[in-house]
Amino acid sequence: METVVATEIPSSPPLVPSPAEGRQYLTPEEIAAAYEVSLSTVNRWLVVGVTAWDESGQKRRLLLRGRKIGGRWKVAPAELAEFLRQSNHAQMSQQQPETESDRKQRVEACLKKLADLDLL
């Protein structure tokens, strides 16, 4: 599974569907246009989500919640607002990227555990 790190998720006023059309949802195309991101980015938010860190430093996956109706994604404005709120909060509390020496120590510890279990 692809890991996507929460970086530049835009924040702006809530996007609301046109009441004249009688809809209560947004399409990925509308979200992409309103927030100036690509359609593939919005689809990735729906399917894969983004990886973010919470206040305790734990990684977690944030998904834009939507529904598929007739094979097409539909997103409630409240779900979009919640996704943007959570992802922007996660950006502010995001940990610093792992250093090369930290990564090496983590990998060595994992390899030692595997060797102890005779899996290597």
PDB file of N, CA and C in Angstrom:
ATOM      1  N   MET A   1       0.844  -1.174   0.000  1.00  0.00           N
ATOM      2  CA  MET A   1       0.000   0.000   0.000  1.00  0.00           C
ATOM      3  C   MET A   1       0.889   1.236   0.000  1.00  0.00           C
ATOM      4  N   GLU A   2       0.536   2.195  -0.779  1.00  0.00           N
ATOM      5  CA  GLU A   2       1.297   3.431  -0.896  1.00  0.00           C
ATOM      6  C   GLU A   2       1.134   4.268   0.367  1.00  0.00           C
ATOM      7  N   THR A   3       2.230   4.854   0.849  1.00  0.00           N
ATOM      8  CA  THR A   3       2.172   5.729   2.008  1.00  0.00           C
ATOM      9  C   THR A   3       2.185   7.162   1.532  1.00  0.00           C
ATOM     10  N   VAL A   4       1.188   7.900   1.922  1.00  0.00           N
ATOM     11  CA  VAL A   4       1.094   9.304   1.554  1.00  0.00           C
ATOM     12  C   VAL A   4       1.126  10.106   2.836  1.00  0.00           C
ATOM     13  N   VAL A   5       2.035  11.040   2.931  1.00  0.00           N
ATOM     14  CA  VAL A   5       2.190  11.834   4.139  1.00  0.00           C
ATOM     15  C   VAL A   5       1.399  13.121   3.997  1.00  0.00           C
ATOM     16  N   ALA A   6       0.673  13.481   5.047  1.00  0.00           N
ATOM     17  CA  ALA A   6      -0.101  14.725   5.034  1.00  0.00           C
ATOM     18  C   ALA A   6       0.860  15.890   4.945  1.00  0.00           C
ATOM     19  N   THR A   7       0.816  16.602   3.852  1.00  0.00           N
ATOM     20  CA  THR A   7       1.707  17.747   3.703  1.00  0.00           C
ATOM     21  C   THR A   7       0.904  19.002   3.419  1.00  0.00           C
ATOM     22  N   GLU A   8       0.479  19.186   2.224  1.00  0.00           N
ATOM     23  CA  GLU A   8      -0.158  20.432   1.823  1.00  0.00           C
ATOM     24  C   GLU A   8      -1.639  20.231   1.533  1.00  0.00           C
ATOM     25  N   ILE A   9      -2.412  19.858   2.510  1.00  0.00           N
ATOM     26  CA  ILE A   9      -3.845  19.748   2.297  1.00  0.00           C
ATOM     27  C   ILE A   9      -4.432  21.123   2.540  1.00  0.00           C
ATOM     28  N   PRO A  10      -5.083  21.685   1.520  1.00  0.00           N
ATOM     29  CA  PRO A  10      -5.541  23.065   1.618  1.00  0.00           C
ATOM     30  C   PRO A  10      -6.663  23.238   2.626  1.00  0.00           C
ATOM     31  N   SER A  11      -6.742  24.433   3.169  1.00  0.00           N
ATOM     32  CA  SER A  11      -7.875  24.766   4.024  1.00  0.00           C
ATOM     33  C   SER A  11      -8.482  26.052   3.496  1.00  0.00           C
ATOM     34  N   SER A  12      -9.759  26.064   3.403  1.00  0.00           N
ATOM     35  CA  SER A  12     -10.480  27.238   2.942  1.00  0.00           C
ATOM     36  C   SER A  12     -11.912  27.117   3.435  1.00  0.00           C
ATOM     37  N   PRO A  13     -12.743  28.101   3.144  1.00  0.00           N
ATOM     38  CA  PRO A  13     -14.126  28.026   3.612  1.00  0.00           C
ATOM     39  C   PRO A  13     -14.812  26.753   3.120  1.00  0.00           C
ATOM     40  N   PRO A  14     -15.816  26.278   3.863  1.00  0.00           N
ATOM     41  CA  PRO A  14     -16.507  25.050   3.480  1.00  0.00           C
ATOM     42  C   PRO A  14     -17.090  25.145   2.078  1.00  0.00           C
ATOM     43  N   LEU A  15     -16.982  24.057   1.360  1.00  0.00           N
ATOM     44  CA  LEU A  15     -17.526  23.951   0.018  1.00  0.00           C
ATOM     45  C   LEU A  15     -18.922  23.361   0.146  1.00  0.00           C
ATOM     46  N   VAL A  16     -19.908  24.022  -0.437  1.00  0.00           N
ATOM     47  CA  VAL A  16     -21.295  23.589  -0.297  1.00  0.00           C
ATOM     48  C   VAL A  16     -21.891  23.395  -1.686  1.00  0.00           C
ATOM     49  N   PRO A  17     -22.597  22.269  -1.910  1.00  0.00           N
ATOM     50  CA  PRO A  17     -23.226  22.069  -3.210  1.00  0.00           C
ATOM     51  C   PRO A  17     -24.333  23.088  -3.447  1.00  0.00           C
ATOM     52  N   SER A  18     -24.612  23.321  -4.701  1.00  0.00           N
ATOM     53  CA  SER A  18     -25.641  24.292  -5.067  1.00  0.00           C
ATOM     54  C   SER A  18     -27.021  23.790  -4.656  1.00  0.00           C
ATOM     55  N   PRO A  19     -27.744  24.564  -3.805  1.00  0.00           N
ATOM     56  CA  PRO A  19     -29.082  24.124  -3.402  1.00  0.00           C
ATOM     57  C   PRO A  19     -30.049  24.085  -4.578  1.00  0.00           C
ATOM     58  N   ALA A  20     -29.782  24.887  -5.605  1.00  0.00           N
ATOM     59  CA  ALA A  20     -30.666  24.916  -6.774  1.00  0.00           C
ATOM     60  C   ALA A  20     -30.686  23.567  -7.477  1.00  0.00           C
ATOM     61  N   GLU A  21     -29.602  22.820  -7.378  1.00  0.00           N
ATOM     62  CA  GLU A  21     -29.535  21.513  -8.022  1.00  0.00           C
ATOM     63  C   GLU A  21     -30.163  20.424  -7.159  1.00  0.00           C
ATOM     64  N   GLY A  22     -30.516  20.736  -5.926  1.00  0.00           N
ATOM     65  CA  GLY A  22     -31.146  19.766  -5.040  1.00  0.00           C
ATOM     66  C   GLY A  22     -30.209  18.655  -4.582  1.00  0.00           C
ATOM     67  N   ARG A  23     -28.907  18.904  -4.578  1.00  0.00           N
ATOM     68  CA  ARG A  23     -27.936  17.890  -4.165  1.00  0.00           C
ATOM     69  C   ARG A  23     -27.473  18.145  -2.739  1.00  0.00           C
ATOM     70  N   GLN A  24     -27.067  17.074  -2.088  1.00  0.00           N
ATOM     71  CA  GLN A  24     -26.520  17.187  -0.740  1.00  0.00           C
ATOM     72  C   GLN A  24     -25.111  16.614  -0.682  1.00  0.00           C
ATOM     73  N   TYR A  25     -24.442  16.548  -1.813  1.00  0.00           N
ATOM     74  CA  TYR A  25     -23.116  15.959  -1.873  1.00  0.00           C
ATOM     75  C   TYR A  25     -22.245  16.746  -2.843  1.00  0.00           C
ATOM     76  N   LEU A  26     -20.955  16.470  -2.782  1.00  0.00           N
ATOM     77  CA  LEU A  26     -19.976  17.062  -3.693  1.00  0.00           C
ATOM     78  C   LEU A  26     -19.319  15.941  -4.484  1.00  0.00           C
ATOM     79  N   THR A  27     -18.892  16.254  -5.681  1.00  0.00           N
ATOM     80  CA  THR A  27     -18.156  15.278  -6.483  1.00  0.00           C
ATOM     81  C   THR A  27     -16.658  15.516  -6.302  1.00  0.00           C
ATOM     82  N   PRO A  28     -15.839  14.509  -6.557  1.00  0.00           N
ATOM     83  CA  PRO A  28     -14.389  14.716  -6.486  1.00  0.00           C
ATOM     84  C   PRO A  28     -13.918  15.835  -7.418  1.00  0.00           C
ATOM     85  N   GLU A  29     -14.560  15.975  -8.568  1.00  0.00           N
ATOM     86  CA  GLU A  29     -14.192  17.040  -9.504  1.00  0.00           C
ATOM     87  C   GLU A  29     -14.421  18.417  -8.890  1.00  0.00           C
ATOM     88  N   GLU A  30     -15.546  18.580  -8.186  1.00  0.00           N
ATOM     89  CA  GLU A  30     -15.836  19.862  -7.536  1.00  0.00           C
ATOM     90  C   GLU A  30     -14.825  20.152  -6.424  1.00  0.00           C
ATOM     91  N   ILE A  31     -14.489  19.133  -5.666  1.00  0.00           N
ATOM     92  CA  ILE A  31     -13.525  19.306  -4.574  1.00  0.00           C
ATOM     93  C   ILE A  31     -12.157  19.676  -5.140  1.00  0.00           C
ATOM     94  N   ALA A  32     -11.742  18.968  -6.194  1.00  0.00           N
ATOM     95  CA  ALA A  32     -10.439  19.239  -6.810  1.00  0.00           C
ATOM     96  C   ALA A  32     -10.373  20.670  -7.334  1.00  0.00           C
ATOM     97  N   ALA A  33     -11.423  21.119  -7.999  1.00  0.00           N
ATOM     98  CA  ALA A  33     -11.436  22.480  -8.547  1.00  0.00           C
ATOM     99  C   ALA A  33     -11.433  23.523  -7.430  1.00  0.00           C
ATOM    100  N   ALA A  34     -12.224  23.291  -6.389  1.00  0.00           N
ATOM    101  CA  ALA A  34     -12.344  24.274  -5.311  1.00  0.00           C
ATOM    102  C   ALA A  34     -11.049  24.413  -4.513  1.00  0.00           C
ATOM    103  N   TYR A  35     -10.331  23.324  -4.318  1.00  0.00           N
ATOM    104  CA  TYR A  35      -9.129  23.344  -3.485  1.00  0.00           C
ATOM    105  C   TYR A  35      -7.838  23.334  -4.306  1.00  0.00           C
ATOM    106  N   GLU A  36      -7.987  23.458  -5.616  1.00  0.00           N
ATOM    107  CA  GLU A  36      -6.845  23.541  -6.535  1.00  0.00           C
ATOM    108  C   GLU A  36      -5.862  22.391  -6.355  1.00  0.00           C
ATOM    109  N   VAL A  37      -6.408  21.181  -6.332  1.00  0.00           N
ATOM    110  CA  VAL A  37      -5.604  19.964  -6.329  1.00  0.00           C
ATOM    111  C   VAL A  37      -6.080  19.120  -7.506  1.00  0.00           C
ATOM    112  N   SER A  38      -5.318  18.101  -7.849  1.00  0.00           N
ATOM    113  CA  SER A  38      -5.714  17.266  -8.980  1.00  0.00           C
ATOM    114  C   SER A  38      -6.828  16.303  -8.572  1.00  0.00           C
ATOM    115  N   LEU A  39      -7.540  15.826  -9.574  1.00  0.00           N
ATOM    116  CA  LEU A  39      -8.591  14.847  -9.329  1.00  0.00           C
ATOM    117  C   LEU A  39      -8.000  13.571  -8.734  1.00  0.00           C
ATOM    118  N   SER A  40      -6.811  13.190  -9.182  1.00  0.00           N
ATOM    119  CA  SER A  40      -6.185  11.980  -8.628  1.00  0.00           C
ATOM    120  C   SER A  40      -5.847  12.156  -7.146  1.00  0.00           C
ATOM    121  N   THR A  41      -5.540  13.374  -6.728  1.00  0.00           N
ATOM    122  CA  THR A  41      -5.278  13.632  -5.308  1.00  0.00           C
ATOM    123  C   THR A  41      -6.541  13.402  -4.487  1.00  0.00           C
ATOM    124  N   VAL A  42      -7.669  13.923  -4.950  1.00  0.00           N
ATOM    125  CA  VAL A  42      -8.937  13.733  -4.228  1.00  0.00           C
ATOM    126  C   VAL A  42      -9.295  12.251  -4.192  1.00  0.00           C
ATOM    127  N   ASN A  43      -9.120  11.558  -5.314  1.00  0.00           N
ATOM    128  CA  ASN A  43      -9.408  10.119  -5.332  1.00  0.00           C
ATOM    129  C   ASN A  43      -8.491   9.361  -4.377  1.00  0.00           C
ATOM    130  N   ARG A  44      -7.232   9.781  -4.261  1.00  0.00           N
ATOM    131  CA  ARG A  44      -6.303   9.154  -3.314  1.00  0.00           C
ATOM    132  C   ARG A  44      -6.771   9.405  -1.880  1.00  0.00           C
ATOM    133  N   TRP A  45      -7.259  10.624  -1.592  1.00  0.00           N
ATOM    134  CA  TRP A  45      -7.790  10.906  -0.253  1.00  0.00           C
ATOM    135  C   TRP A  45      -8.938   9.954   0.072  1.00  0.00           C
ATOM    136  N   LEU A  46      -9.770   9.632  -0.931  1.00  0.00           N
ATOM    137  CA  LEU A  46     -10.929   8.764  -0.728  1.00  0.00           C
ATOM    138  C   LEU A  46     -10.537   7.294  -0.563  1.00  0.00           C
ATOM    139  N   VAL A  47      -9.570   6.838  -1.334  1.00  0.00           N
ATOM    140  CA  VAL A  47      -9.245   5.411  -1.369  1.00  0.00           C
ATOM    141  C   VAL A  47      -8.110   5.047  -0.416  1.00  0.00           C
ATOM    142  N   VAL A  48      -7.018   5.798  -0.461  1.00  0.00           N
ATOM    143  CA  VAL A  48      -5.829   5.479   0.331  1.00  0.00           C
ATOM    144  C   VAL A  48      -5.756   6.324   1.595  1.00  0.00           C
ATOM    145  N   GLY A  49      -6.173   7.571   1.495  1.00  0.00           N
ATOM    146  CA  GLY A  49      -6.066   8.500   2.609  1.00  0.00           C
ATOM    147  C   GLY A  49      -4.676   9.100   2.676  1.00  0.00           C
ATOM    148  N   VAL A  50      -4.395   9.738   3.777  1.00  0.00           N
ATOM    149  CA  VAL A  50      -3.082  10.323   4.016  1.00  0.00           C
ATOM    150  C   VAL A  50      -2.582   9.829   5.367  1.00  0.00           C
ATOM    151  N   THR A  51      -1.277   9.743   5.503  1.00  0.00           N
ATOM    152  CA  THR A  51      -0.677   9.345   6.768  1.00  0.00           C
ATOM    153  C   THR A  51      -0.353  10.602   7.556  1.00  0.00           C
ATOM    154  N   ALA A  52      -0.793  10.638   8.787  1.00  0.00           N
ATOM    155  CA  ALA A  52      -0.543  11.793   9.647  1.00  0.00           C
ATOM    156  C   ALA A  52      -0.185  11.278  11.035  1.00  0.00           C
ATOM    157  N   TRP A  53       0.278  12.182  11.867  1.00  0.00           N
ATOM    158  CA  TRP A  53       0.642  11.835  13.241  1.00  0.00           C
ATOM    159  C   TRP A  53      -0.296  12.554  14.192  1.00  0.00           C
ATOM    160  N   ASP A  54      -0.718  11.849  15.242  1.00  0.00           N
ATOM    161  CA  ASP A  54      -1.567  12.495  16.240  1.00  0.00           C
ATOM    162  C   ASP A  54      -0.694  13.138  17.313  1.00  0.00           C
ATOM    163  N   GLU A  55      -1.332  13.673  18.353  1.00  0.00           N
ATOM    164  CA  GLU A  55      -0.622  14.402  19.401  1.00  0.00           C
ATOM    165  C   GLU A  55       0.400  13.541  20.130  1.00  0.00           C
ATOM    166  N   SER A  56       0.147  12.238  20.216  1.00  0.00           N
ATOM    167  CA  SER A  56       1.065  11.347  20.930  1.00  0.00           C
ATOM    168  C   SER A  56       2.193  10.834  20.036  1.00  0.00           C
ATOM    169  N   GLY A  57       2.221  11.268  18.784  1.00  0.00           N
ATOM    170  CA  GLY A  57       3.282  10.858  17.875  1.00  0.00           C
ATOM    171  C   GLY A  57       3.006   9.565  17.136  1.00  0.00           C
ATOM    172  N   GLN A  58       1.807   9.029  17.280  1.00  0.00           N
ATOM    173  CA  GLN A  58       1.450   7.789  16.596  1.00  0.00           C
ATOM    174  C   GLN A  58       0.967   8.091  15.181  1.00  0.00           C
ATOM    175  N   LYS A  59       1.407   7.250  14.237  1.00  0.00           N
ATOM    176  CA  LYS A  59       0.933   7.414  12.865  1.00  0.00           C
ATOM    177  C   LYS A  59      -0.500   6.930  12.777  1.00  0.00           C
ATOM    178  N   ARG A  60      -1.271   7.603  11.951  1.00  0.00           N
ATOM    179  CA  ARG A  60      -2.630   7.142  11.702  1.00  0.00           C
ATOM    180  C   ARG A  60      -3.019   7.514  10.286  1.00  0.00           C
ATOM    181  N   ARG A  61      -4.000   6.840   9.787  1.00  0.00           N
ATOM    182  CA  ARG A  61      -4.471   7.047   8.426  1.00  0.00           C
ATOM    183  C   ARG A  61      -5.733   7.905   8.460  1.00  0.00           C
ATOM    184  N   LEU A  62      -5.727   8.980   7.696  1.00  0.00           N
ATOM    185  CA  LEU A  62      -6.907   9.830   7.573  1.00  0.00           C
ATOM    186  C   LEU A  62      -7.518   9.606   6.199  1.00  0.00           C
ATOM    187  N   LEU A  63      -8.777   9.248   6.173  1.00  0.00           N
ATOM    188  CA  LEU A  63      -9.489   9.047   4.912  1.00  0.00           C
ATOM    189  C   LEU A  63     -10.563  10.104   4.744  1.00  0.00           C
ATOM    190  N   LEU A  64     -10.727  10.555   3.518  1.00  0.00           N
ATOM    191  CA  LEU A  64     -11.876  11.392   3.186  1.00  0.00           C
ATOM    192  C   LEU A  64     -13.039  10.437   3.008  1.00  0.00           C
ATOM    193  N   ARG A  65     -14.033  10.555   3.878  1.00  0.00           N
ATOM    194  CA  ARG A  65     -15.167   9.633   3.826  1.00  0.00           C
ATOM    195  C   ARG A  65     -16.129  10.057   2.738  1.00  0.00           C
ATOM    196  N   GLY A  66     -16.464   9.113   1.903  1.00  0.00           N
ATOM    197  CA  GLY A  66     -17.412   9.351   0.825  1.00  0.00           C
ATOM    198  C   GLY A  66     -18.177   8.073   0.542  1.00  0.00           C
ATOM    199  N   ARG A  67     -19.119   8.181  -0.366  1.00  0.00           N
ATOM    200  CA  ARG A  67     -19.915   7.016  -0.759  1.00  0.00           C
ATOM    201  C   ARG A  67     -19.875   6.899  -2.269  1.00  0.00           C
ATOM    202  N   LYS A  68     -19.891   5.664  -2.732  1.00  0.00           N
ATOM    203  CA  LYS A  68     -19.992   5.445  -4.162  1.00  0.00           C
ATOM    204  C   LYS A  68     -21.461   5.234  -4.491  1.00  0.00           C
ATOM    205  N   ILE A  69     -21.966   6.072  -5.365  1.00  0.00           N
ATOM    206  CA  ILE A  69     -23.348   5.966  -5.816  1.00  0.00           C
ATOM    207  C   ILE A  69     -23.292   5.866  -7.334  1.00  0.00           C
ATOM    208  N   GLY A  70     -23.788   4.763  -7.865  1.00  0.00           N
ATOM    209  CA  GLY A  70     -23.736   4.573  -9.307  1.00  0.00           C
ATOM    210  C   GLY A  70     -22.318   4.539  -9.843  1.00  0.00           C
ATOM    211  N   GLY A  71     -21.382   4.028  -9.035  1.00  0.00           N
ATOM    212  CA  GLY A  71     -19.998   3.924  -9.467  1.00  0.00           C
ATOM    213  C   GLY A  71     -19.210   5.218  -9.370  1.00  0.00           C
ATOM    214  N   ARG A  72     -19.809   6.260  -8.822  1.00  0.00           N
ATOM    215  CA  ARG A  72     -19.126   7.556  -8.703  1.00  0.00           C
ATOM    216  C   ARG A  72     -19.093   7.982  -7.238  1.00  0.00           C
ATOM    217  N   TRP A  73     -17.973   8.590  -6.853  1.00  0.00           N
ATOM    218  CA  TRP A  73     -17.818   9.056  -5.481  1.00  0.00           C
ATOM    219  C   TRP A  73     -18.684  10.279  -5.223  1.00  0.00           C
ATOM    220  N   LYS A  74     -19.296  10.301  -4.052  1.00  0.00           N
ATOM    221  CA  LYS A  74     -20.062  11.449  -3.560  1.00  0.00           C
ATOM    222  C   LYS A  74     -19.588  11.719  -2.137  1.00  0.00           C
ATOM    223  N   VAL A  75     -19.357  12.993  -1.829  1.00  0.00           N
ATOM    224  CA  VAL A  75     -18.829  13.368  -0.517  1.00  0.00           C
ATOM    225  C   VAL A  75     -19.747  14.409   0.111  1.00  0.00           C
ATOM    226  N   ALA A  76     -20.178  14.153   1.329  1.00  0.00           N
ATOM    227  CA  ALA A  76     -20.988  15.133   2.058  1.00  0.00           C
ATOM    228  C   ALA A  76     -20.087  16.297   2.468  1.00  0.00           C
ATOM    229  N   PRO A  77     -20.585  17.533   2.384  1.00  0.00           N
ATOM    230  CA  PRO A  77     -19.767  18.683   2.788  1.00  0.00           C
ATOM    231  C   PRO A  77     -19.232  18.566   4.213  1.00  0.00           C
ATOM    232  N   ALA A  78     -20.018  17.999   5.121  1.00  0.00           N
ATOM    233  CA  ALA A  78     -19.561  17.840   6.507  1.00  0.00           C
ATOM    234  C   ALA A  78     -18.369  16.883   6.584  1.00  0.00           C
ATOM    235  N   GLU A  79     -18.369  15.828   5.764  1.00  0.00           N
ATOM    236  CA  GLU A  79     -17.248  14.878   5.751  1.00  0.00           C
ATOM    237  C   GLU A  79     -15.984  15.543   5.216  1.00  0.00           C
ATOM    238  N   LEU A  80     -16.131  16.373   4.181  1.00  0.00           N
ATOM    239  CA  LEU A  80     -14.982  17.097   3.640  1.00  0.00           C
ATOM    240  C   LEU A  80     -14.418  18.052   4.689  1.00  0.00           C
ATOM    241  N   ALA A  81     -15.297  18.781   5.362  1.00  0.00           N
ATOM    242  CA  ALA A  81     -14.852  19.726   6.390  1.00  0.00           C
ATOM    243  C   ALA A  81     -14.113  19.001   7.516  1.00  0.00           C
ATOM    244  N   GLU A  82     -14.612  17.844   7.930  1.00  0.00           N
ATOM    245  CA  GLU A  82     -13.969  17.072   9.001  1.00  0.00           C
ATOM    246  C   GLU A  82     -12.602  16.554   8.555  1.00  0.00           C
ATOM    247  N   PHE A  83     -12.506  16.061   7.322  1.00  0.00           N
ATOM    248  CA  PHE A  83     -11.222  15.585   6.789  1.00  0.00           C
ATOM    249  C   PHE A  83     -10.204  16.718   6.765  1.00  0.00           C
ATOM    250  N   LEU A  84     -10.607  17.882   6.283  1.00  0.00           N
ATOM    251  CA  LEU A  84      -9.693  19.025   6.220  1.00  0.00           C
ATOM    252  C   LEU A  84      -9.277  19.472   7.622  1.00  0.00           C
ATOM    253  N   ARG A  85     -10.226  19.473   8.565  1.00  0.00           N
ATOM    254  CA  ARG A  85      -9.910  19.873   9.936  1.00  0.00           C
ATOM    255  C   ARG A  85      -8.897  18.910  10.551  1.00  0.00           C
ATOM    256  N   GLN A  86      -9.160  17.615  10.416  1.00  0.00           N
ATOM    257  CA  GLN A  86      -8.261  16.616  11.003  1.00  0.00           C
ATOM    258  C   GLN A  86      -6.888  16.637  10.346  1.00  0.00           C
ATOM    259  N   SER A  87      -6.857  16.740   9.036  1.00  0.00           N
ATOM    260  CA  SER A  87      -5.567  16.696   8.343  1.00  0.00           C
ATOM    261  C   SER A  87      -4.762  17.957   8.602  1.00  0.00           C
ATOM    262  N   ASN A  88      -5.405  19.102   8.702  1.00  0.00           N
ATOM    263  CA  ASN A  88      -4.674  20.331   8.998  1.00  0.00           C
ATOM    264  C   ASN A  88      -4.173  20.331  10.436  1.00  0.00           C
ATOM    265  N   HIS A  89      -4.943  19.771  11.362  1.00  0.00           N
ATOM    266  CA  HIS A  89      -4.484  19.640  12.748  1.00  0.00           C
ATOM    267  C   HIS A  89      -3.285  18.695  12.802  1.00  0.00           C
ATOM    268  N   ALA A  90      -3.358  17.603  12.040  1.00  0.00           N
ATOM    269  CA  ALA A  90      -2.262  16.633  12.025  1.00  0.00           C
ATOM    270  C   ALA A  90      -0.994  17.255  11.457  1.00  0.00           C
ATOM    271  N   GLN A  91      -1.132  18.139  10.477  1.00  0.00           N
ATOM    272  CA  GLN A  91       0.040  18.807   9.909  1.00  0.00           C
ATOM    273  C   GLN A  91       0.740  19.642  10.969  1.00  0.00           C
ATOM    274  N   MET A  92      -0.048  20.344  11.785  1.00  0.00           N
ATOM    275  CA  MET A  92       0.539  21.220  12.795  1.00  0.00           C
ATOM    276  C   MET A  92       1.281  20.425  13.862  1.00  0.00           C
ATOM    277  N   SER A  93       0.805  19.209  14.161  1.00  0.00           N
ATOM    278  CA  SER A  93       1.426  18.428  15.221  1.00  0.00           C
ATOM    279  C   SER A  93       2.329  17.324  14.668  1.00  0.00           C
ATOM    280  N   GLN A  94       2.654  17.412  13.396  1.00  0.00           N
ATOM    281  CA  GLN A  94       3.427  16.358  12.748  1.00  0.00           C
ATOM    282  C   GLN A  94       4.854  16.294  13.280  1.00  0.00           C
ATOM    283  N   GLN A  95       5.352  15.075  13.462  1.00  0.00           N
ATOM    284  CA  GLN A  95       6.723  14.871  13.920  1.00  0.00           C
ATOM    285  C   GLN A  95       7.697  15.216  12.804  1.00  0.00           C
ATOM    286  N   GLN A  96       8.933  15.435  13.218  1.00  0.00           N
ATOM    287  CA  GLN A  96       9.994  15.643  12.242  1.00  0.00           C
ATOM    288  C   GLN A  96      10.260  14.323  11.525  1.00  0.00           C
ATOM    289  N   PRO A  97      10.672  14.391  10.265  1.00  0.00           N
ATOM    290  CA  PRO A  97      10.987  13.151   9.546  1.00  0.00           C
ATOM    291  C   PRO A  97      12.098  12.376  10.251  1.00  0.00           C
ATOM    292  N   GLU A  98      12.046  11.078  10.111  1.00  0.00           N
ATOM    293  CA  GLU A  98      13.029  10.192  10.721  1.00  0.00           C
ATOM    294  C   GLU A  98      14.405  10.433  10.098  1.00  0.00           C
ATOM    295  N   THR A  99      15.422  10.514  10.935  1.00  0.00           N
ATOM    296  CA  THR A  99      16.780  10.704  10.424  1.00  0.00           C
ATOM    297  C   THR A  99      17.328   9.368   9.931  1.00  0.00           C
ATOM    298  N   GLU A 100      18.371   9.434   9.151  1.00  0.00           N
ATOM    299  CA  GLU A 100      18.988   8.216   8.616  1.00  0.00           C
ATOM    300  C   GLU A 100      19.499   7.323   9.744  1.00  0.00           C
ATOM    301  N   SER A 101      20.115   7.909  10.761  1.00  0.00           N
ATOM    302  CA  SER A 101      20.630   7.092  11.871  1.00  0.00           C
ATOM    303  C   SER A 101      19.483   6.460  12.666  1.00  0.00           C
ATOM    304  N   ASP A 102      18.371   7.189  12.847  1.00  0.00           N
ATOM    305  CA  ASP A 102      17.204   6.615  13.529  1.00  0.00           C
ATOM    306  C   ASP A 102      16.649   5.436  12.732  1.00  0.00           C
ATOM    307  N   ARG A 103      16.578   5.614  11.416  1.00  0.00           N
ATOM    308  CA  ARG A 103      16.064   4.553  10.559  1.00  0.00           C
ATOM    309  C   ARG A 103      16.963   3.327  10.641  1.00  0.00           C
ATOM    310  N   LYS A 104      18.282   3.525  10.613  1.00  0.00           N
ATOM    311  CA  LYS A 104      19.215   2.398  10.698  1.00  0.00           C
ATOM    312  C   LYS A 104      19.057   1.655  12.019  1.00  0.00           C
ATOM    313  N   GLN A 105      18.907   2.396  13.117  1.00  0.00           N
ATOM    314  CA  GLN A 105      18.717   1.761  14.426  1.00  0.00           C
ATOM    315  C   GLN A 105      17.425   0.950  14.447  1.00  0.00           C
ATOM    316  N   ARG A 106      16.369   1.511  13.876  1.00  0.00           N
ATOM    317  CA  ARG A 106      15.085   0.812  13.842  1.00  0.00           C
ATOM    318  C   ARG A 106      15.184  -0.457  13.006  1.00  0.00           C
ATOM    319  N   VAL A 107      15.850  -0.385  11.859  1.00  0.00           N
ATOM    320  CA  VAL A 107      16.012  -1.551  10.992  1.00  0.00           C
ATOM    321  C   VAL A 107      16.862  -2.611  11.681  1.00  0.00           C
ATOM    322  N   GLU A 108      17.951  -2.199  12.332  1.00  0.00           N
ATOM    323  CA  GLU A 108      18.805  -3.154  13.043  1.00  0.00           C
ATOM    324  C   GLU A 108      18.037  -3.860  14.156  1.00  0.00           C
ATOM    325  N   ALA A 109      17.209  -3.127  14.881  1.00  0.00           N
ATOM    326  CA  ALA A 109      16.403  -3.734  15.944  1.00  0.00           C
ATOM    327  C   ALA A 109      15.425  -4.754  15.360  1.00  0.00           C
ATOM    328  N   CYS A 110      14.820  -4.427  14.233  1.00  0.00           N
ATOM    329  CA  CYS A 110      13.891  -5.359  13.582  1.00  0.00           C
ATOM    330  C   CYS A 110      14.617  -6.612  13.104  1.00  0.00           C
ATOM    331  N   LEU A 111      15.795  -6.424  12.502  1.00  0.00           N
ATOM    332  CA  LEU A 111      16.573  -7.570  12.031  1.00  0.00           C
ATOM    333  C   LEU A 111      17.002  -8.462  13.191  1.00  0.00           C
ATOM    334  N   LYS A 112      17.356  -7.849  14.326  1.00  0.00           N
ATOM    335  CA  LYS A 112      17.740  -8.630  15.500  1.00  0.00           C
ATOM    336  C   LYS A 112      16.554  -9.460  15.998  1.00  0.00           C
ATOM    337  N   LYS A 113      15.368  -8.851  16.041  1.00  0.00           N
ATOM    338  CA  LYS A 113      14.178  -9.595  16.477  1.00  0.00           C
ATOM    339  C   LYS A 113      13.896 -10.761  15.544  1.00  0.00           C
ATOM    340  N   LEU A 114      14.027 -10.531  14.240  1.00  0.00           N
ATOM    341  CA  LEU A 114      13.798 -11.606  13.274  1.00  0.00           C
ATOM    342  C   LEU A 114      14.832 -12.716  13.434  1.00  0.00           C
ATOM    343  N   ALA A 115      16.090 -12.335  13.677  1.00  0.00           N
ATOM    344  CA  ALA A 115      17.144 -13.334  13.878  1.00  0.00           C
ATOM    345  C   ALA A 115      16.887 -14.137  15.155  1.00  0.00           C
ATOM    346  N   ASP A 116      16.434 -13.461  16.214  1.00  0.00           N
ATOM    347  CA  ASP A 116      16.120 -14.149  17.470  1.00  0.00           C
ATOM    348  C   ASP A 116      15.000 -15.169  17.281  1.00  0.00           C
ATOM    349  N   LEU A 117      14.109 -14.905  16.345  1.00  0.00           N
ATOM    350  CA  LEU A 117      12.997 -15.817  16.068  1.00  0.00           C
ATOM    351  C   LEU A 117      13.357 -16.845  14.992  1.00  0.00           C
ATOM    352  N   ASP A 118      14.620 -16.850  14.571  1.00  0.00           N
ATOM    353  CA  ASP A 118      15.110 -17.742  13.506  1.00  0.00           C
ATOM    354  C   ASP A 118      14.337 -17.560  12.203  1.00  0.00           C
ATOM    355  N   LEU A 119      13.981 -16.336  11.911  1.00  0.00           N
ATOM    356  CA  LEU A 119      13.279 -16.042  10.665  1.00  0.00           C
ATOM    357  C   LEU A 119      14.213 -15.496   9.595  1.00  0.00           C
ATOM    358  N   LEU A 120      15.478 -15.324   9.950  1.00  0.00           N
ATOM    359  CA  LEU A 120      16.473 -14.869   8.972  1.00  0.00           C
ATOM    360  C   LEU A 120      17.502 -15.933   8.734  1.00  0.00           C
TER     361      LEU A 120
END
